[in-house]
Amino acid sequence: MDLTFGNVTILIPPLHITIILVVIIFLLVRWSKQLETRRFTVFFYFLFSTTITPIYTSYTSKGYFELWIPIGFIIMLLYLFGGKRRNHPAKVKASILGFAIAIYQLILKYVG
């Protein structure tokens, strides 16, 4: 969708993407208010958990195949549950929400 104002055009993502983005921002702000200090870390946990990367690439005569994994979420899980310190539920929720976005990215990679 695009809005045109004279010589300026603003491109807006599809409605379902915009609604999902608003819900994600609302949840992250709500969860960040649950923390007493360093409230911005919830956003970093979310952003880092959305990282995906290819771990295997195979070239064939028909093209190539890449195997992608959500490496950010895996590292976040090791960090959150690897130490002996207590984990705040808001940070775990933000990581799981980032994992959901990573899964969406994986679906787009394989389908598109």
PDB file of N, CA and C in Angstrom:
ATOM      1  N   MET A   1       0.843  -1.164   0.000  1.00  0.00           N
ATOM      2  CA  MET A   1       0.000   0.000   0.000  1.00  0.00           C
ATOM      3  C   MET A   1       0.894   1.234   0.000  1.00  0.00           C
ATOM      4  N   ASP A   2       0.543   2.216  -0.793  1.00  0.00           N
ATOM      5  CA  ASP A   2       1.342   3.434  -0.822  1.00  0.00           C
ATOM      6  C   ASP A   2       0.433   4.652  -0.766  1.00  0.00           C
ATOM      7  N   LEU A   3       0.889   5.628   0.000  1.00  0.00           N
ATOM      8  CA  LEU A   3       0.173   6.892   0.141  1.00  0.00           C
ATOM      9  C   LEU A   3       0.973   7.968  -0.578  1.00  0.00           C
ATOM     10  N   THR A   4       0.321   8.699  -1.478  1.00  0.00           N
ATOM     11  CA  THR A   4       1.017   9.712  -2.246  1.00  0.00           C
ATOM     12  C   THR A   4       0.544  11.096  -1.818  1.00  0.00           C
ATOM     13  N   PHE A   5       1.491  11.953  -1.468  1.00  0.00           N
ATOM     14  CA  PHE A   5       1.238  13.339  -1.098  1.00  0.00           C
ATOM     15  C   PHE A   5       2.084  14.230  -2.003  1.00  0.00           C
ATOM     16  N   GLY A   6       1.534  14.630  -3.126  1.00  0.00           N
ATOM     17  CA  GLY A   6       2.294  15.455  -4.061  1.00  0.00           C
ATOM     18  C   GLY A   6       3.446  14.672  -4.665  1.00  0.00           C
ATOM     19  N   ASN A   7       4.675  15.093  -4.374  1.00  0.00           N
ATOM     20  CA  ASN A   7       5.862  14.409  -4.896  1.00  0.00           C
ATOM     21  C   ASN A   7       6.412  13.349  -3.948  1.00  0.00           C
ATOM     22  N   VAL A   8       5.766  13.141  -2.814  1.00  0.00           N
ATOM     23  CA  VAL A   8       6.260  12.209  -1.799  1.00  0.00           C
ATOM     24  C   VAL A   8       5.328  11.002  -1.726  1.00  0.00           C
ATOM     25  N   THR A   9       5.917   9.812  -1.740  1.00  0.00           N
ATOM     26  CA  THR A   9       5.145   8.590  -1.603  1.00  0.00           C
ATOM     27  C   THR A   9       5.644   7.819  -0.389  1.00  0.00           C
ATOM     28  N   ILE A  10       4.735   7.435   0.488  1.00  0.00           N
ATOM     29  CA  ILE A  10       5.062   6.641   1.675  1.00  0.00           C
ATOM     30  C   ILE A  10       4.580   5.221   1.427  1.00  0.00           C
ATOM     31  N   LEU A  11       5.509   4.275   1.484  1.00  0.00           N
ATOM     32  CA  LEU A  11       5.174   2.870   1.278  1.00  0.00           C
ATOM     33  C   LEU A  11       4.903   2.223   2.632  1.00  0.00           C
ATOM     34  N   ILE A  12       3.750   1.623   2.767  1.00  0.00           N
ATOM     35  CA  ILE A  12       3.346   0.969   4.006  1.00  0.00           C
ATOM     36  C   ILE A  12       3.281  -0.528   3.734  1.00  0.00           C
ATOM     37  N   PRO A  13       3.808  -1.350   4.666  1.00  0.00           N
ATOM     38  CA  PRO A  13       3.709  -2.795   4.466  1.00  0.00           C
ATOM     39  C   PRO A  13       2.242  -3.244   4.468  1.00  0.00           C
ATOM     40  N   PRO A  14       1.981  -4.469   4.039  1.00  0.00           N
ATOM     41  CA  PRO A  14       0.601  -4.976   4.052  1.00  0.00           C
ATOM     42  C   PRO A  14      -0.009  -4.884   5.455  1.00  0.00           C
ATOM     43  N   LEU A  15      -1.313  -4.878   5.509  1.00  0.00           N
ATOM     44  CA  LEU A  15      -2.038  -4.654   6.763  1.00  0.00           C
ATOM     45  C   LEU A  15      -1.700  -5.698   7.819  1.00  0.00           C
ATOM     46  N   HIS A  16      -1.606  -6.973   7.451  1.00  0.00           N
ATOM     47  CA  HIS A  16      -1.325  -8.002   8.451  1.00  0.00           C
ATOM     48  C   HIS A  16       0.076  -7.833   9.047  1.00  0.00           C
ATOM     49  N   ILE A  17       1.041  -7.409   8.256  1.00  0.00           N
ATOM     50  CA  ILE A  17       2.390  -7.171   8.769  1.00  0.00           C
ATOM     51  C   ILE A  17       2.388  -5.974   9.717  1.00  0.00           C
ATOM     52  N   THR A  18       1.650  -4.931   9.373  1.00  0.00           N
ATOM     53  CA  THR A  18       1.563  -3.745  10.218  1.00  0.00           C
ATOM     54  C   THR A  18       0.911  -4.076  11.557  1.00  0.00           C
ATOM     55  N   ILE A  19      -0.139  -4.865  11.537  1.00  0.00           N
ATOM     56  CA  ILE A  19      -0.816  -5.248  12.785  1.00  0.00           C
ATOM     57  C   ILE A  19       0.109  -6.095  13.651  1.00  0.00           C
ATOM     58  N   ILE A  20       0.817  -7.037  13.051  1.00  0.00           N
ATOM     59  CA  ILE A  20       1.760  -7.871  13.799  1.00  0.00           C
ATOM     60  C   ILE A  20       2.856  -7.015  14.415  1.00  0.00           C
ATOM     61  N   LEU A  21       3.358  -6.045  13.671  1.00  0.00           N
ATOM     62  CA  LEU A  21       4.395  -5.148  14.179  1.00  0.00           C
ATOM     63  C   LEU A  21       3.905  -4.333  15.372  1.00  0.00           C
ATOM     64  N   VAL A  22       2.687  -3.830  15.302  1.00  0.00           N
ATOM     65  CA  VAL A  22       2.127  -3.066  16.417  1.00  0.00           C
ATOM     66  C   VAL A  22       1.961  -3.952  17.647  1.00  0.00           C
ATOM     67  N   VAL A  23       1.502  -5.175  17.463  1.00  0.00           N
ATOM     68  CA  VAL A  23       1.333  -6.102  18.588  1.00  0.00           C
ATOM     69  C   VAL A  23       2.690  -6.442  19.211  1.00  0.00           C
ATOM     70  N   ILE A  24       3.706  -6.667  18.383  1.00  0.00           N
ATOM     71  CA  ILE A  24       5.043  -6.990  18.903  1.00  0.00           C
ATOM     72  C   ILE A  24       5.598  -5.831  19.716  1.00  0.00           C
ATOM     73  N   ILE A  25       5.479  -4.621  19.204  1.00  0.00           N
ATOM     74  CA  ILE A  25       5.980  -3.453  19.942  1.00  0.00           C
ATOM     75  C   ILE A  25       5.217  -3.283  21.243  1.00  0.00           C
ATOM     76  N   PHE A  26       3.887  -3.469  21.208  1.00  0.00           N
ATOM     77  CA  PHE A  26       3.089  -3.371  22.428  1.00  0.00           C
ATOM     78  C   PHE A  26       3.543  -4.389  23.474  1.00  0.00           C
ATOM     79  N   LEU A  27       3.744  -5.635  23.056  1.00  0.00           N
ATOM     80  CA  LEU A  27       4.175  -6.674  23.998  1.00  0.00           C
ATOM     81  C   LEU A  27       5.564  -6.379  24.570  1.00  0.00           C
ATOM     82  N   LEU A  28       6.492  -5.948  23.728  1.00  0.00           N
ATOM     83  CA  LEU A  28       7.844  -5.673  24.204  1.00  0.00           C
ATOM     84  C   LEU A  28       7.864  -4.510  25.195  1.00  0.00           C
ATOM     85  N   VAL A  29       7.086  -3.474  24.936  1.00  0.00           N
ATOM     86  CA  VAL A  29       7.017  -2.350  25.881  1.00  0.00           C
ATOM     87  C   VAL A  29       6.388  -2.796  27.187  1.00  0.00           C
ATOM     88  N   ARG A  30       5.352  -3.599  27.099  1.00  0.00           N
ATOM     89  CA  ARG A  30       4.690  -4.097  28.313  1.00  0.00           C
ATOM     90  C   ARG A  30       5.638  -4.974  29.136  1.00  0.00           C
ATOM     91  N   TRP A  31       6.381  -5.854  28.468  1.00  0.00           N
ATOM     92  CA  TRP A  31       7.309  -6.722  29.183  1.00  0.00           C
ATOM     93  C   TRP A  31       8.489  -5.938  29.729  1.00  0.00           C
ATOM     94  N   SER A  32       8.910  -4.902  29.027  1.00  0.00           N
ATOM     95  CA  SER A  32      10.048  -4.122  29.522  1.00  0.00           C
ATOM     96  C   SER A  32       9.678  -3.366  30.792  1.00  0.00           C
ATOM     97  N   LYS A  33       8.421  -3.025  30.971  1.00  0.00           N
ATOM     98  CA  LYS A  33       7.984  -2.334  32.192  1.00  0.00           C
ATOM     99  C   LYS A  33       8.020  -3.264  33.403  1.00  0.00           C
ATOM    100  N   GLN A  34       8.072  -4.565  33.175  1.00  0.00           N
ATOM    101  CA  GLN A  34       8.144  -5.515  34.281  1.00  0.00           C
ATOM    102  C   GLN A  34       9.539  -5.568  34.908  1.00  0.00           C
ATOM    103  N   LEU A  35      10.547  -5.138  34.155  1.00  0.00           N
ATOM    104  CA  LEU A  35      11.914  -5.131  34.678  1.00  0.00           C
ATOM    105  C   LEU A  35      12.139  -3.892  35.534  1.00  0.00           C
ATOM    106  N   GLU A  36      12.922  -4.054  36.581  1.00  0.00           N
ATOM    107  CA  GLU A  36      13.205  -2.921  37.463  1.00  0.00           C
ATOM    108  C   GLU A  36      14.356  -2.074  36.930  1.00  0.00           C
ATOM    109  N   THR A  37      15.363  -2.716  36.361  1.00  0.00           N
ATOM    110  CA  THR A  37      16.508  -1.989  35.812  1.00  0.00           C
ATOM    111  C   THR A  37      16.781  -2.500  34.402  1.00  0.00           C
ATOM    112  N   ARG A  38      17.460  -1.706  33.605  1.00  0.00           N
ATOM    113  CA  ARG A  38      17.858  -2.066  32.246  1.00  0.00           C
ATOM    114  C   ARG A  38      16.685  -2.581  31.425  1.00  0.00           C
ATOM    115  N   ARG A  39      15.654  -1.764  31.335  1.00  0.00           N
ATOM    116  CA  ARG A  39      14.434  -2.157  30.645  1.00  0.00           C
ATOM    117  C   ARG A  39      14.643  -2.389  29.151  1.00  0.00           C
ATOM    118  N   PHE A  40      15.622  -1.749  28.562  1.00  0.00           N
ATOM    119  CA  PHE A  40      15.857  -1.865  27.121  1.00  0.00           C
ATOM    120  C   PHE A  40      16.390  -3.236  26.729  1.00  0.00           C
ATOM    121  N   THR A  41      16.870  -4.038  27.683  1.00  0.00           N
ATOM    122  CA  THR A  41      17.451  -5.338  27.336  1.00  0.00           C
ATOM    123  C   THR A  41      16.431  -6.288  26.730  1.00  0.00           C
ATOM    124  N   VAL A  42      15.156  -6.103  27.047  1.00  0.00           N
ATOM    125  CA  VAL A  42      14.121  -6.955  26.463  1.00  0.00           C
ATOM    126  C   VAL A  42      14.129  -6.821  24.936  1.00  0.00           C
ATOM    127  N   PHE A  43      14.341  -5.613  24.448  1.00  0.00           N
ATOM    128  CA  PHE A  43      14.381  -5.397  23.006  1.00  0.00           C
ATOM    129  C   PHE A  43      15.593  -6.090  22.380  1.00  0.00           C
ATOM    130  N   PHE A  44      16.734  -6.079  23.079  1.00  0.00           N
ATOM    131  CA  PHE A  44      17.916  -6.760  22.558  1.00  0.00           C
ATOM    132  C   PHE A  44      17.734  -8.275  22.547  1.00  0.00           C
ATOM    133  N   TYR A  45      17.099  -8.823  23.576  1.00  0.00           N
ATOM    134  CA  TYR A  45      16.820 -10.257  23.599  1.00  0.00           C
ATOM    135  C   TYR A  45      15.936 -10.628  22.411  1.00  0.00           C
ATOM    136  N   PHE A  46      14.931  -9.799  22.138  1.00  0.00           N
ATOM    137  CA  PHE A  46      14.039 -10.054  21.011  1.00  0.00           C
ATOM    138  C   PHE A  46      14.793  -9.976  19.682  1.00  0.00           C
ATOM    139  N   LEU A  47      15.532  -8.895  19.487  1.00  0.00           N
ATOM    140  CA  LEU A  47      16.231  -8.702  18.212  1.00  0.00           C
ATOM    141  C   LEU A  47      17.274  -9.789  17.964  1.00  0.00           C
ATOM    142  N   PHE A  48      18.007 -10.156  18.997  1.00  0.00           N
ATOM    143  CA  PHE A  48      19.023 -11.183  18.818  1.00  0.00           C
ATOM    144  C   PHE A  48      18.396 -12.543  18.535  1.00  0.00           C
ATOM    145  N   SER A  49      17.227 -12.810  19.114  1.00  0.00           N
ATOM    146  CA  SER A  49      16.566 -14.102  18.904  1.00  0.00           C
ATOM    147  C   SER A  49      16.001 -14.249  17.502  1.00  0.00           C
ATOM    148  N   THR A  50      15.849 -13.166  16.772  1.00  0.00           N
ATOM    149  CA  THR A  50      15.307 -13.252  15.416  1.00  0.00           C
ATOM    150  C   THR A  50      16.362 -13.601  14.372  1.00  0.00           C
ATOM    151  N   THR A  51      17.617 -13.724  14.764  1.00  0.00           N
ATOM    152  CA  THR A  51      18.704 -13.978  13.813  1.00  0.00           C
ATOM    153  C   THR A  51      18.654 -15.414  13.289  1.00  0.00           C
ATOM    154  N   ILE A  52      18.684 -15.549  11.955  1.00  0.00           N
ATOM    155  CA  ILE A  52      18.796 -16.867  11.326  1.00  0.00           C
ATOM    156  C   ILE A  52      20.046 -16.869  10.457  1.00  0.00           C
ATOM    157  N   THR A  53      20.609 -18.056  10.261  1.00  0.00           N
ATOM    158  CA  THR A  53      21.826 -18.164   9.453  1.00  0.00           C
ATOM    159  C   THR A  53      21.871 -19.526   8.766  1.00  0.00           C
ATOM    160  N   PRO A  54      22.469 -19.586   7.580  1.00  0.00           N
ATOM    161  CA  PRO A  54      22.596 -20.890   6.915  1.00  0.00           C
ATOM    162  C   PRO A  54      23.757 -21.673   7.527  1.00  0.00           C
ATOM    163  N   ILE A  55      23.549 -22.974   7.732  1.00  0.00           N
ATOM    164  CA  ILE A  55      24.629 -23.804   8.269  1.00  0.00           C
ATOM    165  C   ILE A  55      25.128 -24.805   7.239  1.00  0.00           C
ATOM    166  N   TYR A  56      24.345 -24.992   6.181  1.00  0.00           N
ATOM    167  CA  TYR A  56      24.753 -25.956   5.150  1.00  0.00           C
ATOM    168  C   TYR A  56      24.261 -25.447   3.799  1.00  0.00           C
ATOM    169  N   THR A  57      25.137 -25.504   2.798  1.00  0.00           N
ATOM    170  CA  THR A  57      24.780 -25.115   1.441  1.00  0.00           C
ATOM    171  C   THR A  57      25.254 -26.202   0.482  1.00  0.00           C
ATOM    172  N   SER A  58      24.364 -26.613  -0.409  1.00  0.00           N
ATOM    173  CA  SER A  58      24.694 -27.637  -1.383  1.00  0.00           C
ATOM    174  C   SER A  58      24.301 -27.134  -2.768  1.00  0.00           C
ATOM    175  N   TYR A  59      25.263 -27.170  -3.687  1.00  0.00           N
ATOM    176  CA  TYR A  59      25.026 -26.743  -5.055  1.00  0.00           C
ATOM    177  C   TYR A  59      24.788 -27.962  -5.930  1.00  0.00           C
ATOM    178  N   THR A  60      23.728 -27.913  -6.732  1.00  0.00           N
ATOM    179  CA  THR A  60      23.408 -28.998  -7.651  1.00  0.00           C
ATOM    180  C   THR A  60      23.179 -28.409  -9.036  1.00  0.00           C
ATOM    181  N   SER A  61      22.844 -29.262  -9.980  1.00  0.00           N
ATOM    182  CA  SER A  61      22.583 -28.782 -11.335  1.00  0.00           C
ATOM    183  C   SER A  61      21.262 -28.003 -11.409  1.00  0.00           C
ATOM    184  N   LYS A  62      20.354 -28.234 -10.478  1.00  0.00           N
ATOM    185  CA  LYS A  62      19.069 -27.539 -10.452  1.00  0.00           C
ATOM    186  C   LYS A  62      19.118 -26.228  -9.674  1.00  0.00           C
ATOM    187  N   GLY A  63      20.203 -25.942  -9.016  1.00  0.00           N
ATOM    188  CA  GLY A  63      20.307 -24.743  -8.189  1.00  0.00           C
ATOM    189  C   GLY A  63      21.067 -25.068  -6.916  1.00  0.00           C
ATOM    190  N   TYR A  64      20.711 -24.405  -5.850  1.00  0.00           N
ATOM    191  CA  TYR A  64      21.379 -24.684  -4.583  1.00  0.00           C
ATOM    192  C   TYR A  64      20.354 -24.801  -3.463  1.00  0.00           C
ATOM    193  N   PHE A  65      20.757 -25.502  -2.422  1.00  0.00           N
ATOM    194  CA  PHE A  65      19.929 -25.703  -1.243  1.00  0.00           C
ATOM    195  C   PHE A  65      20.687 -25.172  -0.042  1.00  0.00           C
ATOM    196  N   GLU A  66      20.011 -24.403   0.786  1.00  0.00           N
ATOM    197  CA  GLU A  66      20.611 -23.904   2.026  1.00  0.00           C
ATOM    198  C   GLU A  66      19.758 -24.359   3.200  1.00  0.00           C
ATOM    199  N   LEU A  67      20.417 -24.854   4.228  1.00  0.00           N
ATOM    200  CA  LEU A  67      19.744 -25.235   5.461  1.00  0.00           C
ATOM    201  C   LEU A  67      19.944 -24.120   6.473  1.00  0.00           C
ATOM    202  N   TRP A  68      18.845 -23.479   6.857  1.00  0.00           N
ATOM    203  CA  TRP A  68      18.888 -22.337   7.771  1.00  0.00           C
ATOM    204  C   TRP A  68      18.447 -22.768   9.161  1.00  0.00           C
ATOM    205  N   ILE A  69      19.029 -22.157  10.193  1.00  0.00           N
ATOM    206  CA  ILE A  69      18.606 -22.409  11.575  1.00  0.00           C
ATOM    207  C   ILE A  69      18.492 -21.070  12.310  1.00  0.00           C
ATOM    208  N   PRO A  70      17.653 -21.027  13.328  1.00  0.00           N
ATOM    209  CA  PRO A  70      17.531 -19.806  14.137  1.00  0.00           C
ATOM    210  C   PRO A  70      18.650 -19.742  15.188  1.00  0.00           C
ATOM    211  N   ILE A  71      19.838 -19.385  14.761  1.00  0.00           N
ATOM    212  CA  ILE A  71      21.018 -19.416  15.629  1.00  0.00           C
ATOM    213  C   ILE A  71      20.907 -18.426  16.788  1.00  0.00           C
ATOM    214  N   GLY A  72      20.250 -17.294  16.570  1.00  0.00           N
ATOM    215  CA  GLY A  72      20.101 -16.304  17.633  1.00  0.00           C
ATOM    216  C   GLY A  72      19.317 -16.849  18.807  1.00  0.00           C
ATOM    217  N   PHE A  73      18.238 -17.576  18.520  1.00  0.00           N
ATOM    218  CA  PHE A  73      17.431 -18.150  19.593  1.00  0.00           C
ATOM    219  C   PHE A  73      18.186 -19.244  20.330  1.00  0.00           C
ATOM    220  N   ILE A  74      18.941 -20.049  19.604  1.00  0.00           N
ATOM    221  CA  ILE A  74      19.713 -21.113  20.242  1.00  0.00           C
ATOM    222  C   ILE A  74      20.759 -20.518  21.193  1.00  0.00           C
ATOM    223  N   ILE A  75      21.449 -19.480  20.737  1.00  0.00           N
ATOM    224  CA  ILE A  75      22.446 -18.827  21.594  1.00  0.00           C
ATOM    225  C   ILE A  75      21.768 -18.174  22.795  1.00  0.00           C
ATOM    226  N   MET A  76      20.602 -17.564  22.581  1.00  0.00           N
ATOM    227  CA  MET A  76      19.874 -16.937  23.684  1.00  0.00           C
ATOM    228  C   MET A  76      19.447 -17.975  24.717  1.00  0.00           C
ATOM    229  N   LEU A  77      19.004 -19.139  24.268  1.00  0.00           N
ATOM    230  CA  LEU A  77      18.632 -20.198  25.218  1.00  0.00           C
ATOM    231  C   LEU A  77      19.836 -20.650  26.039  1.00  0.00           C
ATOM    232  N   LEU A  78      20.965 -20.831  25.368  1.00  0.00           N
ATOM    233  CA  LEU A  78      22.174 -21.231  26.093  1.00  0.00           C
ATOM    234  C   LEU A  78      22.584 -20.167  27.103  1.00  0.00           C
ATOM    235  N   TYR A  79      22.438 -18.909  26.731  1.00  0.00           N
ATOM    236  CA  TYR A  79      22.800 -17.813  27.631  1.00  0.00           C
ATOM    237  C   TYR A  79      21.832 -17.720  28.806  1.00  0.00           C
ATOM    238  N   LEU A  80      20.530 -17.830  28.518  1.00  0.00           N
ATOM    239  CA  LEU A  80      19.541 -17.678  29.582  1.00  0.00           C
ATOM    240  C   LEU A  80      19.560 -18.836  30.572  1.00  0.00           C
ATOM    241  N   PHE A  81      19.652 -20.047  30.062  1.00  0.00           N
ATOM    242  CA  PHE A  81      19.543 -21.207  30.936  1.00  0.00           C
ATOM    243  C   PHE A  81      20.884 -21.866  31.237  1.00  0.00           C
ATOM    244  N   GLY A  82      21.957 -21.322  30.710  1.00  0.00           N
ATOM    245  CA  GLY A  82      23.272 -21.892  30.957  1.00  0.00           C
ATOM    246  C   GLY A  82      23.871 -21.459  32.277  1.00  0.00           C
ATOM    247  N   GLY A  83      23.577 -20.268  32.711  1.00  0.00           N
ATOM    248  CA  GLY A  83      24.145 -19.751  33.952  1.00  0.00           C
ATOM    249  C   GLY A  83      23.298 -20.111  35.154  1.00  0.00           C
ATOM    250  N   LYS A  84      23.813 -19.764  36.325  1.00  0.00           N
ATOM    251  CA  LYS A  84      23.091 -20.066  37.559  1.00  0.00           C
ATOM    252  C   LYS A  84      22.217 -18.898  38.021  1.00  0.00           C
ATOM    253  N   ARG A  85      22.299 -17.765  37.309  1.00  0.00           N
ATOM    254  CA  ARG A  85      21.509 -16.614  37.721  1.00  0.00           C
ATOM    255  C   ARG A  85      20.038 -16.825  37.360  1.00  0.00           C
ATOM    256  N   ARG A  86      19.200 -16.099  38.068  1.00  0.00           N
ATOM    257  CA  ARG A  86      17.767 -16.198  37.800  1.00  0.00           C
ATOM    258  C   ARG A  86      17.416 -15.481  36.510  1.00  0.00           C
ATOM    259  N   ASN A  87      16.521 -16.052  35.759  1.00  0.00           N
ATOM    260  CA  ASN A  87      16.073 -15.445  34.517  1.00  0.00           C
ATOM    261  C   ASN A  87      14.727 -14.775  34.741  1.00  0.00           C
ATOM    262  N   HIS A  88      14.602 -13.572  34.242  1.00  0.00           N
ATOM    263  CA  HIS A  88      13.329 -12.875  34.355  1.00  0.00           C
ATOM    264  C   HIS A  88      12.388 -13.399  33.272  1.00  0.00           C
ATOM    265  N   PRO A  89      11.135 -13.653  33.618  1.00  0.00           N
ATOM    266  CA  PRO A  89      10.186 -14.176  32.622  1.00  0.00           C
ATOM    267  C   PRO A  89      10.012 -13.269  31.408  1.00  0.00           C
ATOM    268  N   ALA A  90      10.171 -11.966  31.574  1.00  0.00           N
ATOM    269  CA  ALA A  90      10.015 -11.038  30.446  1.00  0.00           C
ATOM    270  C   ALA A  90      11.097 -11.276  29.395  1.00  0.00           C
ATOM    271  N   LYS A  91      12.308 -11.586  29.832  1.00  0.00           N
ATOM    272  CA  LYS A  91      13.390 -11.845  28.887  1.00  0.00           C
ATOM    273  C   LYS A  91      13.154 -13.150  28.134  1.00  0.00           C
ATOM    274  N   VAL A  92      12.637 -14.146  28.824  1.00  0.00           N
ATOM    275  CA  VAL A  92      12.337 -15.423  28.182  1.00  0.00           C
ATOM    276  C   VAL A  92      11.196 -15.244  27.173  1.00  0.00           C
ATOM    277  N   LYS A  93      10.175 -14.477  27.544  1.00  0.00           N
ATOM    278  CA  LYS A  93       9.059 -14.217  26.631  1.00  0.00           C
ATOM    279  C   LYS A  93       9.536 -13.480  25.379  1.00  0.00           C
ATOM    280  N   ALA A  94      10.409 -12.498  25.571  1.00  0.00           N
ATOM    281  CA  ALA A  94      10.932 -11.747  24.427  1.00  0.00           C
ATOM    282  C   ALA A  94      11.734 -12.658  23.504  1.00  0.00           C
ATOM    283  N   SER A  95      12.490 -13.589  24.075  1.00  0.00           N
ATOM    284  CA  SER A  95      13.249 -14.530  23.256  1.00  0.00           C
ATOM    285  C   SER A  95      12.337 -15.471  22.482  1.00  0.00           C
ATOM    286  N   ILE A  96      11.269 -15.914  23.104  1.00  0.00           N
ATOM    287  CA  ILE A  96      10.320 -16.797  22.425  1.00  0.00           C
ATOM    288  C   ILE A  96       9.590 -16.047  21.313  1.00  0.00           C
ATOM    289  N   LEU A  97       9.273 -14.780  21.554  1.00  0.00           N
ATOM    290  CA  LEU A  97       8.657 -13.970  20.503  1.00  0.00           C
ATOM    291  C   LEU A  97       9.627 -13.774  19.333  1.00  0.00           C
ATOM    292  N   GLY A  98      10.905 -13.581  19.643  1.00  0.00           N
ATOM    293  CA  GLY A  98      11.917 -13.493  18.590  1.00  0.00           C
ATOM    294  C   GLY A  98      12.040 -14.795  17.823  1.00  0.00           C
ATOM    295  N   PHE A  99      11.891 -15.923  18.518  1.00  0.00           N
ATOM    296  CA  PHE A  99      11.922 -17.228  17.861  1.00  0.00           C
ATOM    297  C   PHE A  99      10.758 -17.374  16.885  1.00  0.00           C
ATOM    298  N   ALA A 100       9.598 -16.850  17.255  1.00  0.00           N
ATOM    299  CA  ALA A 100       8.444 -16.905  16.357  1.00  0.00           C
ATOM    300  C   ALA A 100       8.724 -16.116  15.077  1.00  0.00           C
ATOM    301  N   ILE A 101       9.364 -14.962  15.207  1.00  0.00           N
ATOM    302  CA  ILE A 101       9.717 -14.175  14.033  1.00  0.00           C
ATOM    303  C   ILE A 101      10.778 -14.904  13.211  1.00  0.00           C
ATOM    304  N   ALA A 102      11.710 -15.579  13.871  1.00  0.00           N
ATOM    305  CA  ALA A 102      12.732 -16.350  13.153  1.00  0.00           C
ATOM    306  C   ALA A 102      12.092 -17.492  12.366  1.00  0.00           C
ATOM    307  N   ILE A 103      11.106 -18.147  12.938  1.00  0.00           N
ATOM    308  CA  ILE A 103      10.393 -19.211  12.230  1.00  0.00           C
ATOM    309  C   ILE A 103       9.674 -18.631  11.012  1.00  0.00           C
ATOM    310  N   TYR A 104       9.082 -17.454  11.162  1.00  0.00           N
ATOM    311  CA  TYR A 104       8.435 -16.782  10.024  1.00  0.00           C
ATOM    312  C   TYR A 104       9.453 -16.486   8.930  1.00  0.00           C
ATOM    313  N   GLN A 105      10.633 -16.033   9.310  1.00  0.00           N
ATOM    314  CA  GLN A 105      11.688 -15.777   8.332  1.00  0.00           C
ATOM    315  C   GLN A 105      12.121 -17.063   7.631  1.00  0.00           C
ATOM    316  N   LEU A 106      12.208 -18.158   8.390  1.00  0.00           N
ATOM    317  CA  LEU A 106      12.560 -19.444   7.786  1.00  0.00           C
ATOM    318  C   LEU A 106      11.510 -19.893   6.778  1.00  0.00           C
ATOM    319  N   ILE A 107      10.258 -19.710   7.108  1.00  0.00           N
ATOM    320  CA  ILE A 107       9.183 -20.075   6.177  1.00  0.00           C
ATOM    321  C   ILE A 107       9.301 -19.251   4.902  1.00  0.00           C
ATOM    322  N   LEU A 108       9.576 -17.960   5.043  1.00  0.00           N
ATOM    323  CA  LEU A 108       9.745 -17.117   3.864  1.00  0.00           C
ATOM    324  C   LEU A 108      10.948 -17.544   3.027  1.00  0.00           C
ATOM    325  N   LYS A 109      12.027 -17.989   3.668  1.00  0.00           N
ATOM    326  CA  LYS A 109      13.216 -18.436   2.933  1.00  0.00           C
ATOM    327  C   LYS A 109      12.921 -19.680   2.111  1.00  0.00           C
ATOM    328  N   TYR A 110      12.196 -20.637   2.693  1.00  0.00           N
ATOM    329  CA  TYR A 110      11.955 -21.901   2.018  1.00  0.00           C
ATOM    330  C   TYR A 110      10.823 -21.843   0.999  1.00  0.00           C
ATOM    331  N   VAL A 111       9.818 -21.034   1.261  1.00  0.00           N
ATOM    332  CA  VAL A 111       8.668 -20.950   0.358  1.00  0.00           C
ATOM    333  C   VAL A 111       8.953 -19.983  -0.781  1.00  0.00           C
ATOM    334  N   GLY A 112       9.575 -18.848  -0.449  1.00  0.00           N
ATOM    335  CA  GLY A 112       9.757 -17.783  -1.431  1.00  0.00           C
ATOM    336  C   GLY A 112      10.940 -17.917  -2.290  1.00  0.00           C
TER     337      GLY A 112
END
